Amino acid sequence: MAITLTSAAAQRVRQFMQQQPAALGLRLGVKVNGCSGYAYQVELAERRNDDDQVFESHGVRILVDAVSLEVVDGTEIDFSAKGLNETFEYHNPRVKSLCGCGESFGV
C-alpha cells in the first residue's frame, strides 16, 4: 500500500516546506499515547533514516519509519480550513477505535 496526500494537504505541506528549505518532505509517525493506543506525529523531515519508507504524493515526499508504517499503511492525509480552524485529517483504514477526545486511536 502507500501513504497519500490530497491535493489540499500537499499544497499546505509545500507551504511549510518553503519556510524550511532543508526539509526533504513530510515525516509521518506514531507514538503510544492516550486512552486508545496511538497518536500521529507529523513534522518536516530534514534527513532520511535507514528504516524509512518513502512515498510520493502530489510531488511531496512522505517518510515513514518501519514501525509506524505497520500502523499507518494505507492512510490518506487531507487538509481542511473552515473559518479560523485549519487541520490535517487522517483517513486511516487500520483504525478500529477512537478516543473521545480525538487525540488517539486504536488499530
N, C-alpha and C. Protein backbone atom coordinates (compact mmCIF):
# COMPACT_ATOMS: atom_id res chain seq x y z
N MET A 1 0.84 -1.18 0.00
CA MET A 1 0.00 0.00 0.00
C MET A 1 0.89 1.25 0.00
N ALA A 2 0.35 2.34 0.48
CA ALA A 2 1.10 3.59 0.45
C ALA A 2 0.47 4.61 1.40
N ILE A 3 1.16 5.70 1.55
CA ILE A 3 0.63 6.88 2.25
C ILE A 3 0.41 7.93 1.18
N THR A 4 -0.76 8.57 1.18
CA THR A 4 -1.06 9.56 0.16
C THR A 4 -1.53 10.86 0.81
N LEU A 5 -1.42 11.92 0.04
CA LEU A 5 -1.92 13.24 0.42
C LEU A 5 -3.00 13.64 -0.57
N THR A 6 -3.99 14.36 -0.11
CA THR A 6 -4.90 15.00 -1.05
C THR A 6 -4.16 16.21 -1.62
N SER A 7 -4.70 16.78 -2.67
CA SER A 7 -4.04 17.96 -3.25
C SER A 7 -4.00 19.12 -2.25
N ALA A 8 -5.04 19.26 -1.42
CA ALA A 8 -5.06 20.33 -0.41
C ALA A 8 -3.96 20.11 0.63
N ALA A 9 -3.78 18.87 1.08
CA ALA A 9 -2.74 18.58 2.06
C ALA A 9 -1.35 18.80 1.46
N ALA A 10 -1.17 18.38 0.23
CA ALA A 10 0.13 18.56 -0.43
C ALA A 10 0.46 20.05 -0.56
N GLN A 11 -0.53 20.85 -0.92
CA GLN A 11 -0.30 22.29 -1.05
C GLN A 11 0.10 22.89 0.29
N ARG A 12 -0.55 22.47 1.37
CA ARG A 12 -0.22 23.01 2.70
C ARG A 12 1.18 22.57 3.14
N VAL A 13 1.54 21.33 2.88
CA VAL A 13 2.88 20.85 3.23
C VAL A 13 3.94 21.63 2.45
N ARG A 14 3.69 21.88 1.18
CA ARG A 14 4.65 22.67 0.38
C ARG A 14 4.83 24.07 0.95
N GLN A 15 3.76 24.66 1.50
CA GLN A 15 3.87 25.98 2.13
C GLN A 15 4.79 25.91 3.34
N PHE A 16 4.64 24.87 4.15
CA PHE A 16 5.53 24.69 5.30
C PHE A 16 6.97 24.47 4.84
N MET A 17 7.14 23.69 3.77
CA MET A 17 8.49 23.38 3.28
C MET A 17 9.20 24.62 2.74
N GLN A 18 8.45 25.56 2.19
CA GLN A 18 9.06 26.81 1.71
C GLN A 18 9.68 27.58 2.87
N GLN A 19 9.13 27.45 4.05
CA GLN A 19 9.65 28.14 5.23
C GLN A 19 10.83 27.41 5.84
N GLN A 20 11.05 26.16 5.44
CA GLN A 20 12.14 25.35 5.97
C GLN A 20 12.83 24.67 4.78
N PRO A 21 13.72 25.39 4.10
CA PRO A 21 14.33 24.90 2.85
C PRO A 21 15.10 23.59 2.98
N ALA A 22 15.55 23.22 4.17
CA ALA A 22 16.30 21.97 4.35
C ALA A 22 15.38 20.75 4.38
N ALA A 23 14.08 20.95 4.41
CA ALA A 23 13.14 19.83 4.53
C ALA A 23 13.13 18.98 3.26
N LEU A 24 13.18 17.66 3.47
CA LEU A 24 13.08 16.70 2.37
C LEU A 24 11.64 16.36 2.06
N GLY A 25 10.78 16.48 3.05
CA GLY A 25 9.39 16.11 2.89
C GLY A 25 8.72 16.06 4.24
N LEU A 26 7.61 15.36 4.29
CA LEU A 26 6.80 15.23 5.49
C LEU A 26 7.12 13.90 6.17
N ARG A 27 7.39 13.93 7.47
CA ARG A 27 7.60 12.69 8.23
C ARG A 27 6.30 12.38 8.97
N LEU A 28 5.79 11.17 8.74
CA LEU A 28 4.59 10.69 9.43
C LEU A 28 4.99 9.53 10.32
N GLY A 29 4.61 9.60 11.58
CA GLY A 29 4.90 8.52 12.51
C GLY A 29 3.80 8.42 13.54
N VAL A 30 3.95 7.48 14.45
CA VAL A 30 3.01 7.33 15.55
C VAL A 30 3.80 7.15 16.84
N LYS A 31 3.14 7.48 17.93
CA LYS A 31 3.71 7.22 19.25
C LYS A 31 2.59 6.63 20.11
N VAL A 32 2.97 5.83 21.10
CA VAL A 32 1.99 5.29 22.03
C VAL A 32 1.52 6.45 22.89
N ASN A 33 0.19 6.63 22.94
CA ASN A 33 -0.33 7.81 23.62
C ASN A 33 -1.83 7.67 23.84
N GLY A 34 -2.32 8.34 24.83
CA GLY A 34 -3.76 8.46 25.05
C GLY A 34 -4.44 7.18 25.49
N CYS A 35 -5.74 7.23 25.49
CA CYS A 35 -6.52 6.11 26.00
C CYS A 35 -6.76 5.01 24.96
N SER A 36 -6.57 5.32 23.68
CA SER A 36 -6.85 4.32 22.64
C SER A 36 -5.61 3.65 22.09
N GLY A 37 -4.44 4.19 22.32
CA GLY A 37 -3.24 3.49 21.89
C GLY A 37 -2.20 4.32 21.18
N TYR A 38 -2.56 4.96 20.07
CA TYR A 38 -1.58 5.67 19.25
C TYR A 38 -2.02 7.11 18.98
N ALA A 39 -1.03 7.95 18.72
CA ALA A 39 -1.29 9.31 18.26
C ALA A 39 -0.36 9.57 17.09
N TYR A 40 -0.82 10.34 16.12
CA TYR A 40 0.01 10.68 14.97
C TYR A 40 1.08 11.68 15.37
N GLN A 41 2.26 11.54 14.79
CA GLN A 41 3.32 12.52 14.91
C GLN A 41 3.67 12.96 13.50
N VAL A 42 3.62 14.25 13.27
CA VAL A 42 3.89 14.79 11.94
C VAL A 42 4.87 15.95 12.08
N GLU A 43 5.88 15.95 11.24
CA GLU A 43 6.86 17.04 11.22
C GLU A 43 7.52 17.05 9.84
N LEU A 44 8.24 18.11 9.57
CA LEU A 44 9.04 18.14 8.34
C LEU A 44 10.31 17.34 8.58
N ALA A 45 10.67 16.52 7.62
CA ALA A 45 11.86 15.68 7.73
C ALA A 45 13.04 16.37 7.08
N GLU A 46 14.14 16.46 7.81
CA GLU A 46 15.35 17.06 7.26
C GLU A 46 16.38 16.00 6.86
N ARG A 47 16.11 14.75 7.24
CA ARG A 47 17.00 13.67 6.83
C ARG A 47 16.20 12.39 6.70
N ARG A 48 16.75 11.47 5.93
CA ARG A 48 16.14 10.16 5.75
C ARG A 48 16.85 9.17 6.65
N ASN A 49 16.08 8.43 7.45
CA ASN A 49 16.64 7.40 8.31
C ASN A 49 16.73 6.07 7.56
N ASP A 50 17.59 5.18 8.04
CA ASP A 50 17.81 3.91 7.36
C ASP A 50 16.54 3.08 7.20
N ASP A 51 15.64 3.14 8.18
CA ASP A 51 14.44 2.31 8.11
C ASP A 51 13.23 3.02 7.50
N ASP A 52 13.42 4.21 6.96
CA ASP A 52 12.31 4.96 6.36
C ASP A 52 11.87 4.36 5.03
N GLN A 53 10.57 4.32 4.85
CA GLN A 53 9.97 4.06 3.55
C GLN A 53 9.59 5.44 3.01
N VAL A 54 9.81 5.66 1.74
CA VAL A 54 9.50 6.97 1.16
C VAL A 54 8.41 6.80 0.11
N PHE A 55 7.37 7.58 0.25
CA PHE A 55 6.26 7.62 -0.70
C PHE A 55 6.23 9.01 -1.30
N GLU A 56 5.63 9.16 -2.46
CA GLU A 56 5.47 10.48 -3.05
C GLU A 56 4.03 10.65 -3.48
N SER A 57 3.47 11.80 -3.14
CA SER A 57 2.08 12.09 -3.47
C SER A 57 1.96 13.56 -3.82
N HIS A 58 1.46 13.86 -4.99
CA HIS A 58 1.30 15.24 -5.46
C HIS A 58 2.62 16.01 -5.36
N GLY A 59 3.73 15.32 -5.63
CA GLY A 59 5.03 15.97 -5.63
C GLY A 59 5.66 16.17 -4.26
N VAL A 60 5.05 15.63 -3.21
CA VAL A 60 5.59 15.76 -1.86
C VAL A 60 6.04 14.38 -1.38
N ARG A 61 7.27 14.31 -0.85
CA ARG A 61 7.76 13.07 -0.26
C ARG A 61 7.19 12.90 1.15
N ILE A 62 6.82 11.66 1.46
CA ILE A 62 6.33 11.30 2.78
C ILE A 62 7.23 10.19 3.30
N LEU A 63 7.89 10.43 4.44
CA LEU A 63 8.81 9.47 5.03
C LEU A 63 8.15 8.84 6.25
N VAL A 64 8.21 7.51 6.31
CA VAL A 64 7.58 6.77 7.40
C VAL A 64 8.53 5.68 7.87
N ASP A 65 8.79 5.64 9.19
CA ASP A 65 9.67 4.59 9.71
C ASP A 65 8.93 3.25 9.68
N ALA A 66 9.70 2.16 9.72
CA ALA A 66 9.14 0.82 9.56
C ALA A 66 8.11 0.48 10.63
N VAL A 67 8.34 0.85 11.88
CA VAL A 67 7.40 0.54 12.96
C VAL A 67 6.08 1.28 12.76
N SER A 68 6.16 2.56 12.44
CA SER A 68 4.94 3.35 12.22
C SER A 68 4.17 2.89 11.00
N LEU A 69 4.88 2.41 9.98
CA LEU A 69 4.22 2.00 8.74
C LEU A 69 3.22 0.88 8.99
N GLU A 70 3.50 0.01 9.94
CA GLU A 70 2.56 -1.06 10.26
C GLU A 70 1.22 -0.51 10.74
N VAL A 71 1.24 0.68 11.35
CA VAL A 71 0.03 1.28 11.91
C VAL A 71 -0.65 2.22 10.91
N VAL A 72 0.12 2.88 10.04
CA VAL A 72 -0.45 3.92 9.18
C VAL A 72 -0.53 3.55 7.70
N ASP A 73 -0.09 2.37 7.33
CA ASP A 73 -0.11 1.99 5.92
C ASP A 73 -1.52 2.12 5.35
N GLY A 74 -1.65 2.78 4.23
CA GLY A 74 -2.94 3.00 3.59
C GLY A 74 -3.59 4.31 3.95
N THR A 75 -2.95 5.10 4.80
CA THR A 75 -3.54 6.36 5.26
C THR A 75 -3.51 7.43 4.17
N GLU A 76 -4.61 8.17 4.07
CA GLU A 76 -4.67 9.37 3.23
C GLU A 76 -4.75 10.56 4.18
N ILE A 77 -3.90 11.54 3.94
CA ILE A 77 -3.88 12.76 4.75
C ILE A 77 -4.55 13.87 3.97
N ASP A 78 -5.50 14.52 4.59
CA ASP A 78 -6.22 15.63 3.97
C ASP A 78 -5.97 16.88 4.81
N PHE A 79 -6.27 18.03 4.25
CA PHE A 79 -6.16 19.30 4.96
C PHE A 79 -7.45 20.06 4.76
N SER A 80 -7.99 20.59 5.85
CA SER A 80 -9.20 21.40 5.71
C SER A 80 -9.05 22.71 6.47
N ALA A 81 -9.63 23.73 5.92
CA ALA A 81 -9.67 25.05 6.54
C ALA A 81 -11.12 25.49 6.58
N LYS A 82 -11.64 25.62 7.80
CA LYS A 82 -13.02 26.05 8.00
C LYS A 82 -13.00 27.24 8.93
N GLY A 83 -13.25 28.40 8.39
CA GLY A 83 -13.15 29.61 9.20
C GLY A 83 -11.72 29.80 9.66
N LEU A 84 -11.53 29.95 10.96
CA LEU A 84 -10.19 30.12 11.51
C LEU A 84 -9.52 28.80 11.85
N ASN A 85 -10.26 27.70 11.72
CA ASN A 85 -9.72 26.38 12.06
C ASN A 85 -9.09 25.72 10.85
N GLU A 86 -7.83 25.34 10.98
CA GLU A 86 -7.12 24.60 9.95
C GLU A 86 -6.60 23.31 10.58
N THR A 87 -6.76 22.20 9.89
CA THR A 87 -6.32 20.95 10.46
C THR A 87 -6.00 19.92 9.38
N PHE A 88 -5.07 19.04 9.70
CA PHE A 88 -4.83 17.86 8.89
C PHE A 88 -5.75 16.78 9.40
N GLU A 89 -6.32 16.01 8.48
CA GLU A 89 -7.22 14.91 8.84
C GLU A 89 -6.62 13.63 8.28
N TYR A 90 -6.70 12.57 9.06
CA TYR A 90 -6.09 11.30 8.71
C TYR A 90 -7.19 10.27 8.45
N HIS A 91 -7.20 9.72 7.25
CA HIS A 91 -8.15 8.68 6.88
C HIS A 91 -7.36 7.38 6.82
N ASN A 92 -7.34 6.69 7.96
CA ASN A 92 -6.52 5.50 8.14
C ASN A 92 -7.43 4.27 8.17
N PRO A 93 -7.31 3.40 7.16
CA PRO A 93 -8.19 2.22 7.11
C PRO A 93 -7.93 1.21 8.23
N ARG A 94 -6.82 1.35 8.94
CA ARG A 94 -6.49 0.40 10.01
C ARG A 94 -7.11 0.77 11.36
N VAL A 95 -7.65 1.98 11.46
CA VAL A 95 -8.22 2.44 12.74
C VAL A 95 -9.48 1.66 13.07
N LYS A 96 -9.50 1.12 14.28
CA LYS A 96 -10.67 0.37 14.77
C LYS A 96 -11.41 1.12 15.87
N SER A 97 -10.72 2.04 16.56
CA SER A 97 -11.36 2.80 17.63
C SER A 97 -10.69 4.16 17.77
N LEU A 98 -11.49 5.13 18.23
CA LEU A 98 -11.01 6.48 18.50
C LEU A 98 -11.34 6.83 19.94
N CYS A 99 -10.47 7.58 20.57
CA CYS A 99 -10.79 8.03 21.92
C CYS A 99 -11.79 9.19 21.83
N GLY A 100 -12.47 9.46 22.92
CA GLY A 100 -13.48 10.51 22.94
C GLY A 100 -12.94 11.90 22.71
N CYS A 101 -11.68 12.14 23.11
CA CYS A 101 -11.12 13.49 22.95
C CYS A 101 -10.50 13.69 21.57
N GLY A 102 -10.38 12.64 20.78
CA GLY A 102 -9.83 12.78 19.43
C GLY A 102 -8.33 12.80 19.35
N GLU A 103 -7.64 12.52 20.45
CA GLU A 103 -6.20 12.58 20.49
C GLU A 103 -5.52 11.27 20.11
N SER A 104 -6.23 10.15 20.24
CA SER A 104 -5.58 8.87 19.98
C SER A 104 -6.53 7.91 19.28
N PHE A 105 -5.95 6.81 18.77
CA PHE A 105 -6.73 5.82 18.04
C PHE A 105 -6.14 4.44 18.30
N GLY A 106 -6.95 3.42 18.06
CA GLY A 106 -6.52 2.05 18.19
C GLY A 106 -6.63 1.34 16.86
N VAL A 107 -5.78 0.33 16.68
CA VAL A 107 -5.80 -0.45 15.44
C VAL A 107 -6.10 -1.91 15.75
